[in-house]
Amino acid sequence: MKKYFLVGLFGIFVASYAMGAPSLVNGIAFFVNGNPVTLLDVYRVQQRDKVAQNIAVDILINEKLHEEEIKKYKIVATELELGDEISAIAKQNKVTPEQIESYIHANGGNWEDYKEEIKKRILKRKLYQVISQESLKMVDEKELRNYYEAHKEEFAIPQSIDVTKFFSKEGVALETLIKSGGKEMPKGVGEENEVLQTMALNPQIVAAFTQGKIGSFTPIYPIGEDFVTFLIKAKNNSSIVPFENVRNVVLQKMMAQKEDYLIYEYFEKLRSNAKVNIIRLN
């Protein structure tokens, strides 16, 4: 349970760190593009992340640059998005949001601080999406075609797919099946072999079958009164889709591979142009 939601817990204990800090009050440590960072901010990060002062300063500069860009692009996180994010964290840990809140309170944390950290996570994710989308406009057509030629097998669509369909009234049972790699068959799960015709599949789920690897499971789908997942066993009579028909797919795949580097490069440029004025660090 701790693995997922404790990532955001560091902000919860800031108040207790502040109480134990040497008399830092709100003295200014440095400015980032005119935005102040206090000595207390530096101390909090040092305690939170267990890092040296210079590392804490580096982290805070990065945080300020993120805040500037989020404001620049007018990115917001709604209460609905916040609720959905917390619900997703709870689901991953097989608990409820209420249980997460209880856990935080029981460990001396603050629920509002926790939600604020989750909100920051959402804002950063949306910012990275904006940065990636901006980078899409700069992609050269030749680069796209080169990627397509080098990864043609990724754009092959089979005429039919051999699968084993697993179905259950309980989605949790199928999650257990998938996590075990098909080795554990929970009670109440049925199975049957099928041959699916690709052209007959719902366009919204075709990618899960055509791009999924042999021996892998598809996501779980609600079909009728059951939950269903498919084990991909074989793909038959594959043919390569012309570049013109999959250009956008090629673009998304290529950018997904480059995303981490693009974001890193973006903030390195911001960092090199940032005006950081150190006032005092002790």
C-alpha atoms as a PDB file:
ATOM      1  CA  MET A   1       0.000   0.000   0.000  1.00  0.00           C
ATOM      2  CA  LYS A   2       2.775   2.429   0.864  1.00  0.00           C
ATOM      3  CA  LYS A   3       4.502   2.027  -2.500  1.00  0.00           C
ATOM      4  CA  TYR A   4       2.076   4.203  -4.437  1.00  0.00           C
ATOM      5  CA  PHE A   5       0.619   6.837  -2.180  1.00  0.00           C
ATOM      6  CA  LEU A   6       3.542   7.486   0.096  1.00  0.00           C
ATOM      7  CA  VAL A   7       5.183   9.168  -2.910  1.00  0.00           C
ATOM      8  CA  GLY A   8       3.005  12.165  -2.139  1.00  0.00           C
ATOM      9  CA  LEU A   9       3.308  12.003   1.619  1.00  0.00           C
ATOM     10  CA  PHE A  10       6.535  13.971   1.885  1.00  0.00           C
ATOM     11  CA  GLY A  11       4.596  17.238   1.896  1.00  0.00           C
ATOM     12  CA  ILE A  12       2.513  16.105   4.852  1.00  0.00           C
ATOM     13  CA  PHE A  13       5.274  16.292   7.407  1.00  0.00           C
ATOM     14  CA  VAL A  14       6.630  19.685   6.377  1.00  0.00           C
ATOM     15  CA  ALA A  15       5.050  21.359   9.390  1.00  0.00           C
ATOM     16  CA  SER A  16       6.887  19.120  11.814  1.00  0.00           C
ATOM     17  CA  TYR A  17      10.190  19.813  10.025  1.00  0.00           C
ATOM     18  CA  ALA A  18       9.575  23.518  10.308  1.00  0.00           C
ATOM     19  CA  MET A  19       9.062  23.255  14.058  1.00  0.00           C
ATOM     20  CA  GLY A  20      12.457  21.588  14.416  1.00  0.00           C
ATOM     21  CA  ALA A  21      14.302  23.979  12.122  1.00  0.00           C
ATOM     22  CA  PRO A  22      16.925  26.326  13.486  1.00  0.00           C
ATOM     23  CA  SER A  23      15.681  29.936  13.579  1.00  0.00           C
ATOM     24  CA  LEU A  24      15.153  30.313   9.868  1.00  0.00           C
ATOM     25  CA  VAL A  25      11.943  32.292  10.121  1.00  0.00           C
ATOM     26  CA  ASN A  26      11.177  33.369   6.533  1.00  0.00           C
ATOM     27  CA  GLY A  27      14.577  34.734   5.533  1.00  0.00           C
ATOM     28  CA  ILE A  28      15.150  34.766   1.784  1.00  0.00           C
ATOM     29  CA  ALA A  29      17.760  32.258   0.598  1.00  0.00           C
ATOM     30  CA  PHE A  30      17.659  33.061  -3.125  1.00  0.00           C
ATOM     31  CA  PHE A  31      15.513  34.239  -6.027  1.00  0.00           C
ATOM     32  CA  VAL A  32      14.650  32.323  -9.218  1.00  0.00           C
ATOM     33  CA  ASN A  33      13.639  34.764 -11.956  1.00  0.00           C
ATOM     34  CA  GLY A  34      12.540  37.130  -9.211  1.00  0.00           C
ATOM     35  CA  ASN A  35      10.565  34.515  -7.264  1.00  0.00           C
ATOM     36  CA  PRO A  36      11.778  34.099  -3.669  1.00  0.00           C
ATOM     37  CA  VAL A  37      12.806  30.859  -1.983  1.00  0.00           C
ATOM     38  CA  THR A  38      13.228  30.983   1.785  1.00  0.00           C
ATOM     39  CA  LEU A  39      15.800  29.411   4.069  1.00  0.00           C
ATOM     40  CA  LEU A  40      12.918  27.444   5.558  1.00  0.00           C
ATOM     41  CA  ASP A  41      12.084  26.045   2.091  1.00  0.00           C
ATOM     42  CA  VAL A  42      15.663  24.839   1.741  1.00  0.00           C
ATOM     43  CA  TYR A  43      15.621  23.279   5.207  1.00  0.00           C
ATOM     44  CA  ARG A  44      12.314  21.500   4.515  1.00  0.00           C
ATOM     45  CA  VAL A  45      13.610  19.929   1.322  1.00  0.00           C
ATOM     46  CA  GLN A  46      16.818  18.844   3.036  1.00  0.00           C
ATOM     47  CA  GLN A  47      14.790  17.093   5.730  1.00  0.00           C
ATOM     48  CA  ARG A  48      12.179  15.743   3.359  1.00  0.00           C
ATOM     49  CA  ASP A  49      14.563  14.219   0.829  1.00  0.00           C
ATOM     50  CA  LYS A  50      17.526  13.632   3.172  1.00  0.00           C
ATOM     51  CA  VAL A  51      19.882  15.552   0.886  1.00  0.00           C
ATOM     52  CA  ALA A  52      22.704  18.063   1.236  1.00  0.00           C
ATOM     53  CA  GLN A  53      21.968  21.773   1.037  1.00  0.00           C
ATOM     54  CA  ASN A  54      23.288  22.199  -2.524  1.00  0.00           C
ATOM     55  CA  ILE A  55      21.014  19.390  -3.743  1.00  0.00           C
ATOM     56  CA  ALA A  56      18.041  20.960  -1.950  1.00  0.00           C
ATOM     57  CA  VAL A  57      18.772  24.271  -3.692  1.00  0.00           C
ATOM     58  CA  ASP A  58      18.885  22.490  -7.052  1.00  0.00           C
ATOM     59  CA  ILE A  59      15.542  20.787  -6.365  1.00  0.00           C
ATOM     60  CA  LEU A  60      13.919  24.083  -5.400  1.00  0.00           C
ATOM     61  CA  ILE A  61      15.193  25.854  -8.511  1.00  0.00           C
ATOM     62  CA  ASN A  62      13.660  23.063 -10.574  1.00  0.00           C
ATOM     63  CA  GLU A  63      10.366  23.358  -8.679  1.00  0.00           C
ATOM     64  CA  LYS A  64      10.226  27.115  -9.255  1.00  0.00           C
ATOM     65  CA  LEU A  65      10.812  26.638 -12.983  1.00  0.00           C
ATOM     66  CA  HIS A  66       7.978  24.105 -13.071  1.00  0.00           C
ATOM     67  CA  GLU A  67       5.688  26.547 -11.279  1.00  0.00           C
ATOM     68  CA  GLU A  68       6.546  29.282 -13.789  1.00  0.00           C
ATOM     69  CA  GLU A  69       5.749  27.058 -16.767  1.00  0.00           C
ATOM     70  CA  ILE A  70       2.498  25.811 -15.235  1.00  0.00           C
ATOM     71  CA  LYS A  71       1.452  29.431 -14.757  1.00  0.00           C
ATOM     72  CA  LYS A  72       2.652  30.383 -18.241  1.00  0.00           C
ATOM     73  CA  TYR A  73       0.465  27.731 -19.896  1.00  0.00           C
ATOM     74  CA  LYS A  74      -2.444  28.415 -17.503  1.00  0.00           C
ATOM     75  CA  ILE A  75      -2.585  24.771 -16.447  1.00  0.00           C
ATOM     76  CA  VAL A  76      -5.025  23.884 -13.676  1.00  0.00           C
ATOM     77  CA  ALA A  77      -6.050  20.741 -11.817  1.00  0.00           C
ATOM     78  CA  THR A  78      -9.756  20.485 -11.058  1.00  0.00           C
ATOM     79  CA  GLU A  79     -11.298  18.911  -7.975  1.00  0.00           C
ATOM     80  CA  LEU A  80     -12.678  16.183 -10.225  1.00  0.00           C
ATOM     81  CA  GLU A  81      -9.198  15.377 -11.546  1.00  0.00           C
ATOM     82  CA  LEU A  82      -7.856  15.374  -8.001  1.00  0.00           C
ATOM     83  CA  GLY A  83     -10.581  12.983  -6.869  1.00  0.00           C
ATOM     84  CA  ASP A  84      -9.972  10.693  -9.844  1.00  0.00           C
ATOM     85  CA  GLU A  85      -6.219  10.620  -9.142  1.00  0.00           C
ATOM     86  CA  ILE A  86      -6.718   9.696  -5.493  1.00  0.00           C
ATOM     87  CA  SER A  87      -9.281   7.052  -6.473  1.00  0.00           C
ATOM     88  CA  ALA A  88      -6.783   5.578  -8.956  1.00  0.00           C
ATOM     89  CA  ILE A  89      -4.090   5.448  -6.252  1.00  0.00           C
ATOM     90  CA  ALA A  90      -6.562   3.766  -3.919  1.00  0.00           C
ATOM     91  CA  LYS A  91      -7.542   1.238  -6.571  1.00  0.00           C
ATOM     92  CA  GLN A  92      -3.891   0.365  -7.264  1.00  0.00           C
ATOM     93  CA  ASN A  93      -3.470  -0.388  -3.580  1.00  0.00           C
ATOM     94  CA  LYS A  94      -6.836  -2.174  -3.278  1.00  0.00           C
ATOM     95  CA  VAL A  95      -8.096   0.261  -0.673  1.00  0.00           C
ATOM     96  CA  THR A  96     -10.557   3.160  -0.614  1.00  0.00           C
ATOM     97  CA  PRO A  97      -9.723   6.892  -0.591  1.00  0.00           C
ATOM     98  CA  GLU A  98     -11.150   6.972   2.931  1.00  0.00           C
ATOM     99  CA  GLN A  99      -8.656   4.312   4.017  1.00  0.00           C
ATOM    100  CA  ILE A 100      -5.787   6.346   2.560  1.00  0.00           C
ATOM    101  CA  GLU A 101      -6.990   9.391   4.499  1.00  0.00           C
ATOM    102  CA  SER A 102      -7.218   7.339   7.691  1.00  0.00           C
ATOM    103  CA  TYR A 103      -3.717   5.966   7.130  1.00  0.00           C
ATOM    104  CA  ILE A 104      -2.313   9.474   6.708  1.00  0.00           C
ATOM    105  CA  HIS A 105      -4.014  10.771   9.849  1.00  0.00           C
ATOM    106  CA  ALA A 106      -2.900   7.702  11.827  1.00  0.00           C
ATOM    107  CA  ASN A 107       0.711   8.407  10.848  1.00  0.00           C
ATOM    108  CA  GLY A 108       0.639  12.037  11.904  1.00  0.00           C
ATOM    109  CA  GLY A 109       0.088  13.445   8.440  1.00  0.00           C
ATOM    110  CA  ASN A 110      -2.236  16.090   7.051  1.00  0.00           C
ATOM    111  CA  TRP A 111      -4.849  15.128   4.452  1.00  0.00           C
ATOM    112  CA  GLU A 112      -4.953  18.585   2.842  1.00  0.00           C
ATOM    113  CA  ASP A 113      -1.177  18.600   2.432  1.00  0.00           C
ATOM    114  CA  TYR A 114      -1.355  15.167   0.834  1.00  0.00           C
ATOM    115  CA  LYS A 115      -4.004  16.354  -1.635  1.00  0.00           C
ATOM    116  CA  GLU A 116      -1.849  19.360  -2.468  1.00  0.00           C
ATOM    117  CA  GLU A 117       1.062  17.072  -3.375  1.00  0.00           C
ATOM    118  CA  ILE A 118      -1.232  14.963  -5.581  1.00  0.00           C
ATOM    119  CA  LYS A 119      -2.423  18.177  -7.242  1.00  0.00           C
ATOM    120  CA  LYS A 120       1.200  19.123  -7.992  1.00  0.00           C
ATOM    121  CA  ARG A 121       1.705  15.706  -9.574  1.00  0.00           C
ATOM    122  CA  ILE A 122      -1.307  16.265 -11.847  1.00  0.00           C
ATOM    123  CA  LEU A 123      -0.101  19.736 -12.837  1.00  0.00           C
ATOM    124  CA  LYS A 124       3.364  18.436 -13.724  1.00  0.00           C
ATOM    125  CA  ARG A 125       1.924  15.611 -15.805  1.00  0.00           C
ATOM    126  CA  LYS A 126      -0.277  18.038 -17.730  1.00  0.00           C
ATOM    127  CA  LEU A 127       2.693  20.362 -18.227  1.00  0.00           C
ATOM    128  CA  TYR A 128       4.767  17.514 -19.667  1.00  0.00           C
ATOM    129  CA  GLN A 129       1.918  16.728 -22.056  1.00  0.00           C
ATOM    130  CA  VAL A 130       1.925  20.342 -23.246  1.00  0.00           C
ATOM    131  CA  ILE A 131       5.689  20.268 -23.747  1.00  0.00           C
ATOM    132  CA  SER A 132       5.416  17.024 -25.720  1.00  0.00           C
ATOM    133  CA  GLN A 133       2.607  18.405 -27.874  1.00  0.00           C
ATOM    134  CA  GLU A 134       4.648  21.518 -28.635  1.00  0.00           C
ATOM    135  CA  SER A 135       7.543  19.286 -29.670  1.00  0.00           C
ATOM    136  CA  LEU A 136       5.285  17.379 -32.065  1.00  0.00           C
ATOM    137  CA  LYS A 137       5.089  20.490 -34.230  1.00  0.00           C
ATOM    138  CA  MET A 138       8.850  20.392 -34.740  1.00  0.00           C
ATOM    139  CA  VAL A 139       9.104  16.815 -36.008  1.00  0.00           C
ATOM    140  CA  ASP A 140      10.540  16.455 -39.502  1.00  0.00           C
ATOM    141  CA  GLU A 141       8.573  14.364 -42.033  1.00  0.00           C
ATOM    142  CA  LYS A 142      11.719  12.521 -43.052  1.00  0.00           C
ATOM    143  CA  GLU A 143      12.326  11.558 -39.433  1.00  0.00           C
ATOM    144  CA  LEU A 144       8.808  10.097 -39.267  1.00  0.00           C
ATOM    145  CA  ARG A 145       9.335   8.012 -42.394  1.00  0.00           C
ATOM    146  CA  ASN A 146      12.684   6.756 -41.128  1.00  0.00           C
ATOM    147  CA  TYR A 147      11.025   5.604 -37.900  1.00  0.00           C
ATOM    148  CA  TYR A 148       8.279   3.877 -39.888  1.00  0.00           C
ATOM    149  CA  GLU A 149      10.789   2.041 -42.088  1.00  0.00           C
ATOM    150  CA  ALA A 150      12.816   0.929 -39.080  1.00  0.00           C
ATOM    151  CA  HIS A 151       9.775  -0.333 -37.148  1.00  0.00           C
ATOM    152  CA  LYS A 152       7.474  -1.632 -39.860  1.00  0.00           C
ATOM    153  CA  GLU A 153       6.536  -4.692 -37.829  1.00  0.00           C
ATOM    154  CA  GLU A 154       4.801  -2.368 -35.365  1.00  0.00           C
ATOM    155  CA  PHE A 155       2.399  -1.301 -38.106  1.00  0.00           C
ATOM    156  CA  ALA A 156       1.380  -4.745 -39.274  1.00  0.00           C
ATOM    157  CA  ILE A 157      -2.280  -5.659 -38.846  1.00  0.00           C
ATOM    158  CA  PRO A 158      -3.274  -9.351 -38.859  1.00  0.00           C
ATOM    159  CA  GLN A 159      -6.453 -10.458 -40.577  1.00  0.00           C
ATOM    160  CA  SER A 160      -7.322 -12.698 -37.637  1.00  0.00           C
ATOM    161  CA  ILE A 161      -6.083 -13.320 -34.097  1.00  0.00           C
ATOM    162  CA  ASP A 162      -6.190 -16.565 -32.103  1.00  0.00           C
ATOM    163  CA  VAL A 163      -7.103 -15.844 -28.486  1.00  0.00           C
ATOM    164  CA  THR A 164      -8.282 -17.460 -25.299  1.00  0.00           C
ATOM    165  CA  LYS A 165     -11.118 -15.456 -23.786  1.00  0.00           C
ATOM    166  CA  PHE A 166     -11.357 -15.349 -19.998  1.00  0.00           C
ATOM    167  CA  PHE A 167     -14.555 -14.049 -18.426  1.00  0.00           C
ATOM    168  CA  SER A 168     -15.891 -13.507 -14.927  1.00  0.00           C
ATOM    169  CA  LYS A 169     -18.539 -11.615 -13.014  1.00  0.00           C
ATOM    170  CA  GLU A 170     -15.730 -10.122 -10.907  1.00  0.00           C
ATOM    171  CA  GLY A 171     -13.090  -7.883 -12.464  1.00  0.00           C
ATOM    172  CA  VAL A 172     -10.772  -8.541  -9.517  1.00  0.00           C
ATOM    173  CA  ALA A 173     -10.632 -12.220 -10.446  1.00  0.00           C
ATOM    174  CA  LEU A 174      -9.322 -11.330 -13.912  1.00  0.00           C
ATOM    175  CA  GLU A 175      -6.772  -8.932 -12.401  1.00  0.00           C
ATOM    176  CA  THR A 176      -5.455 -11.863 -10.338  1.00  0.00           C
ATOM    177  CA  LEU A 177      -5.326 -14.039 -13.460  1.00  0.00           C
ATOM    178  CA  ILE A 178      -3.358 -11.411 -15.405  1.00  0.00           C
ATOM    179  CA  LYS A 179      -0.920 -10.702 -12.553  1.00  0.00           C
ATOM    180  CA  SER A 180      -0.110 -14.406 -12.340  1.00  0.00           C
ATOM    181  CA  GLY A 181       0.579 -14.530 -16.083  1.00  0.00           C
ATOM    182  CA  GLY A 182      -2.280 -16.987 -16.523  1.00  0.00           C
ATOM    183  CA  LYS A 183      -0.832 -19.465 -14.015  1.00  0.00           C
ATOM    184  CA  GLU A 184      -3.482 -18.830 -11.357  1.00  0.00           C
ATOM    185  CA  MET A 185      -7.102 -19.472 -12.329  1.00  0.00           C
ATOM    186  CA  PRO A 186      -9.345 -17.844  -9.699  1.00  0.00           C
ATOM    187  CA  LYS A 187     -12.701 -19.349  -8.871  1.00  0.00           C
ATOM    188  CA  GLY A 188     -15.514 -18.173 -11.127  1.00  0.00           C
ATOM    189  CA  VAL A 189     -13.335 -17.486 -14.182  1.00  0.00           C
ATOM    190  CA  GLY A 190     -14.385 -19.206 -17.403  1.00  0.00           C
ATOM    191  CA  GLU A 191     -12.366 -19.598 -20.591  1.00  0.00           C
ATOM    192  CA  GLU A 192     -12.862 -20.456 -24.232  1.00  0.00           C
ATOM    193  CA  ASN A 193     -10.771 -20.321 -27.395  1.00  0.00           C
ATOM    194  CA  GLU A 194     -11.776 -17.986 -30.203  1.00  0.00           C
ATOM    195  CA  VAL A 195     -10.531 -16.686 -33.556  1.00  0.00           C
ATOM    196  CA  LEU A 196     -11.217 -12.960 -33.835  1.00  0.00           C
ATOM    197  CA  GLN A 197     -11.521 -11.245 -37.203  1.00  0.00           C
ATOM    198  CA  THR A 198      -9.658  -7.947 -36.950  1.00  0.00           C
ATOM    199  CA  MET A 199     -12.050  -6.049 -39.207  1.00  0.00           C
ATOM    200  CA  ALA A 200     -14.966  -7.044 -36.954  1.00  0.00           C
ATOM    201  CA  LEU A 201     -13.360  -5.674 -33.779  1.00  0.00           C
ATOM    202  CA  ASN A 202     -14.446  -2.408 -32.200  1.00  0.00           C
ATOM    203  CA  PRO A 203     -12.021   0.253 -33.567  1.00  0.00           C
ATOM    204  CA  GLN A 204     -11.456   1.500 -30.014  1.00  0.00           C
ATOM    205  CA  ILE A 205      -9.870  -1.795 -28.932  1.00  0.00           C
ATOM    206  CA  VAL A 206      -8.144  -2.920 -32.147  1.00  0.00           C
ATOM    207  CA  ALA A 207      -4.769  -1.570 -30.978  1.00  0.00           C
ATOM    208  CA  ALA A 208      -4.850  -3.741 -27.844  1.00  0.00           C
ATOM    209  CA  PHE A 209      -4.996  -6.829 -30.067  1.00  0.00           C
ATOM    210  CA  THR A 210      -2.830  -5.774 -32.990  1.00  0.00           C
ATOM    211  CA  GLN A 211      -0.069  -4.161 -30.911  1.00  0.00           C
ATOM    212  CA  GLY A 212      -0.214  -6.601 -28.001  1.00  0.00           C
ATOM    213  CA  LYS A 213       2.535  -9.213 -27.871  1.00  0.00           C
ATOM    214  CA  ILE A 214       1.933 -12.913 -28.351  1.00  0.00           C
ATOM    215  CA  GLY A 215       1.394 -14.408 -24.902  1.00  0.00           C
ATOM    216  CA  SER A 216       0.149 -11.142 -23.360  1.00  0.00           C
ATOM    217  CA  PHE A 217      -3.275 -10.224 -22.040  1.00  0.00           C
ATOM    218  CA  THR A 218      -5.445  -7.384 -23.277  1.00  0.00           C
ATOM    219  CA  PRO A 219      -6.960  -4.889 -20.830  1.00  0.00           C
ATOM    220  CA  ILE A 220     -10.118  -5.997 -19.031  1.00  0.00           C
ATOM    221  CA  TYR A 221     -13.331  -5.001 -20.807  1.00  0.00           C
ATOM    222  CA  PRO A 222     -16.932  -4.954 -19.505  1.00  0.00           C
ATOM    223  CA  ILE A 223     -18.973  -6.934 -22.039  1.00  0.00           C
ATOM    224  CA  GLY A 224     -22.608  -7.507 -21.189  1.00  0.00           C
ATOM    225  CA  GLU A 225     -22.797  -8.682 -17.594  1.00  0.00           C
ATOM    226  CA  ASP A 226     -19.230 -10.032 -17.565  1.00  0.00           C
ATOM    227  CA  PHE A 227     -15.697  -8.710 -17.361  1.00  0.00           C
ATOM    228  CA  VAL A 228     -13.499 -10.086 -20.155  1.00  0.00           C
ATOM    229  CA  THR A 229      -9.806 -10.256 -21.020  1.00  0.00           C
ATOM    230  CA  PHE A 230      -8.104 -12.035 -23.926  1.00  0.00           C
ATOM    231  CA  LEU A 231      -4.829 -13.930 -24.030  1.00  0.00           C
ATOM    232  CA  ILE A 232      -3.235 -13.340 -27.453  1.00  0.00           C
ATOM    233  CA  LYS A 233      -1.987 -16.652 -28.832  1.00  0.00           C
ATOM    234  CA  ALA A 234      -1.298 -16.030 -32.533  1.00  0.00           C
ATOM    235  CA  LYS A 235      -1.680 -13.425 -35.267  1.00  0.00           C
ATOM    236  CA  ASN A 236      -2.529 -14.626 -38.754  1.00  0.00           C
ATOM    237  CA  ASN A 237      -1.867 -13.198 -42.239  1.00  0.00           C
ATOM    238  CA  SER A 238      -0.365  -9.871 -41.181  1.00  0.00           C
ATOM    239  CA  SER A 239       0.072  -7.051 -43.680  1.00  0.00           C
ATOM    240  CA  ILE A 240       1.914  -3.736 -43.327  1.00  0.00           C
ATOM    241  CA  VAL A 241      -0.306  -0.661 -43.218  1.00  0.00           C
ATOM    242  CA  PRO A 242       0.879   2.146 -45.551  1.00  0.00           C
ATOM    243  CA  PHE A 243       2.684   5.060 -43.906  1.00  0.00           C
ATOM    244  CA  GLU A 244      -0.009   7.550 -44.931  1.00  0.00           C
ATOM    245  CA  ASN A 245      -2.629   5.560 -42.990  1.00  0.00           C
ATOM    246  CA  VAL A 246      -0.623   5.398 -39.752  1.00  0.00           C
ATOM    247  CA  ARG A 247       1.303   8.677 -39.815  1.00  0.00           C
ATOM    248  CA  ASN A 248      -0.256   9.902 -36.563  1.00  0.00           C
ATOM    249  CA  VAL A 249       0.429   6.571 -34.871  1.00  0.00           C
ATOM    250  CA  VAL A 250       4.069   6.769 -36.002  1.00  0.00           C
ATOM    251  CA  LEU A 251       4.259  10.288 -34.592  1.00  0.00           C
ATOM    252  CA  GLN A 252       2.884   9.260 -31.213  1.00  0.00           C
ATOM    253  CA  LYS A 253       5.172   6.229 -30.956  1.00  0.00           C
ATOM    254  CA  MET A 254       8.249   8.215 -31.845  1.00  0.00           C
ATOM    255  CA  MET A 255       7.434  10.992 -29.405  1.00  0.00           C
ATOM    256  CA  ALA A 256       6.709   8.501 -26.616  1.00  0.00           C
ATOM    257  CA  GLN A 257      10.259   7.224 -26.979  1.00  0.00           C
ATOM    258  CA  LYS A 258      11.651  10.759 -26.912  1.00  0.00           C
ATOM    259  CA  GLU A 259       9.410  12.209 -24.222  1.00  0.00           C
ATOM    260  CA  ASP A 260      11.792  11.921 -21.263  1.00  0.00           C
ATOM    261  CA  TYR A 261      14.652  13.444 -23.230  1.00  0.00           C
ATOM    262  CA  LEU A 262      12.453  16.253 -24.606  1.00  0.00           C
ATOM    263  CA  ILE A 263      11.325  17.236 -21.112  1.00  0.00           C
ATOM    264  CA  TYR A 264      14.870  17.039 -19.771  1.00  0.00           C
ATOM    265  CA  GLU A 265      16.155  19.180 -22.655  1.00  0.00           C
ATOM    266  CA  TYR A 266      13.307  21.676 -22.201  1.00  0.00           C
ATOM    267  CA  PHE A 267      14.108  22.301 -18.538  1.00  0.00           C
ATOM    268  CA  GLU A 268      17.855  22.345 -19.132  1.00  0.00           C
ATOM    269  CA  LYS A 269      17.297  25.263 -21.503  1.00  0.00           C
ATOM    270  CA  LEU A 270      15.108  27.005 -18.941  1.00  0.00           C
ATOM    271  CA  ARG A 271      17.726  26.393 -16.287  1.00  0.00           C
ATOM    272  CA  SER A 272      20.549  27.815 -18.396  1.00  0.00           C
ATOM    273  CA  ASN A 273      18.544  31.010 -18.986  1.00  0.00           C
ATOM    274  CA  ALA A 274      17.186  31.353 -15.450  1.00  0.00           C
ATOM    275  CA  LYS A 275      18.320  34.222 -13.265  1.00  0.00           C
ATOM    276  CA  VAL A 276      19.252  32.744  -9.880  1.00  0.00           C
ATOM    277  CA  ASN A 277      20.367  35.255  -7.257  1.00  0.00           C
ATOM    278  CA  ILE A 278      21.741  33.721  -4.056  1.00  0.00           C
ATOM    279  CA  ILE A 279      21.166  35.904  -0.990  1.00  0.00           C
ATOM    280  CA  ARG A 280      22.254  33.633   1.862  1.00  0.00           C
ATOM    281  CA  LEU A 281      22.195  29.919   2.649  1.00  0.00           C
ATOM    282  CA  ASN A 282      22.906  30.004   6.388  1.00  0.00           C
END
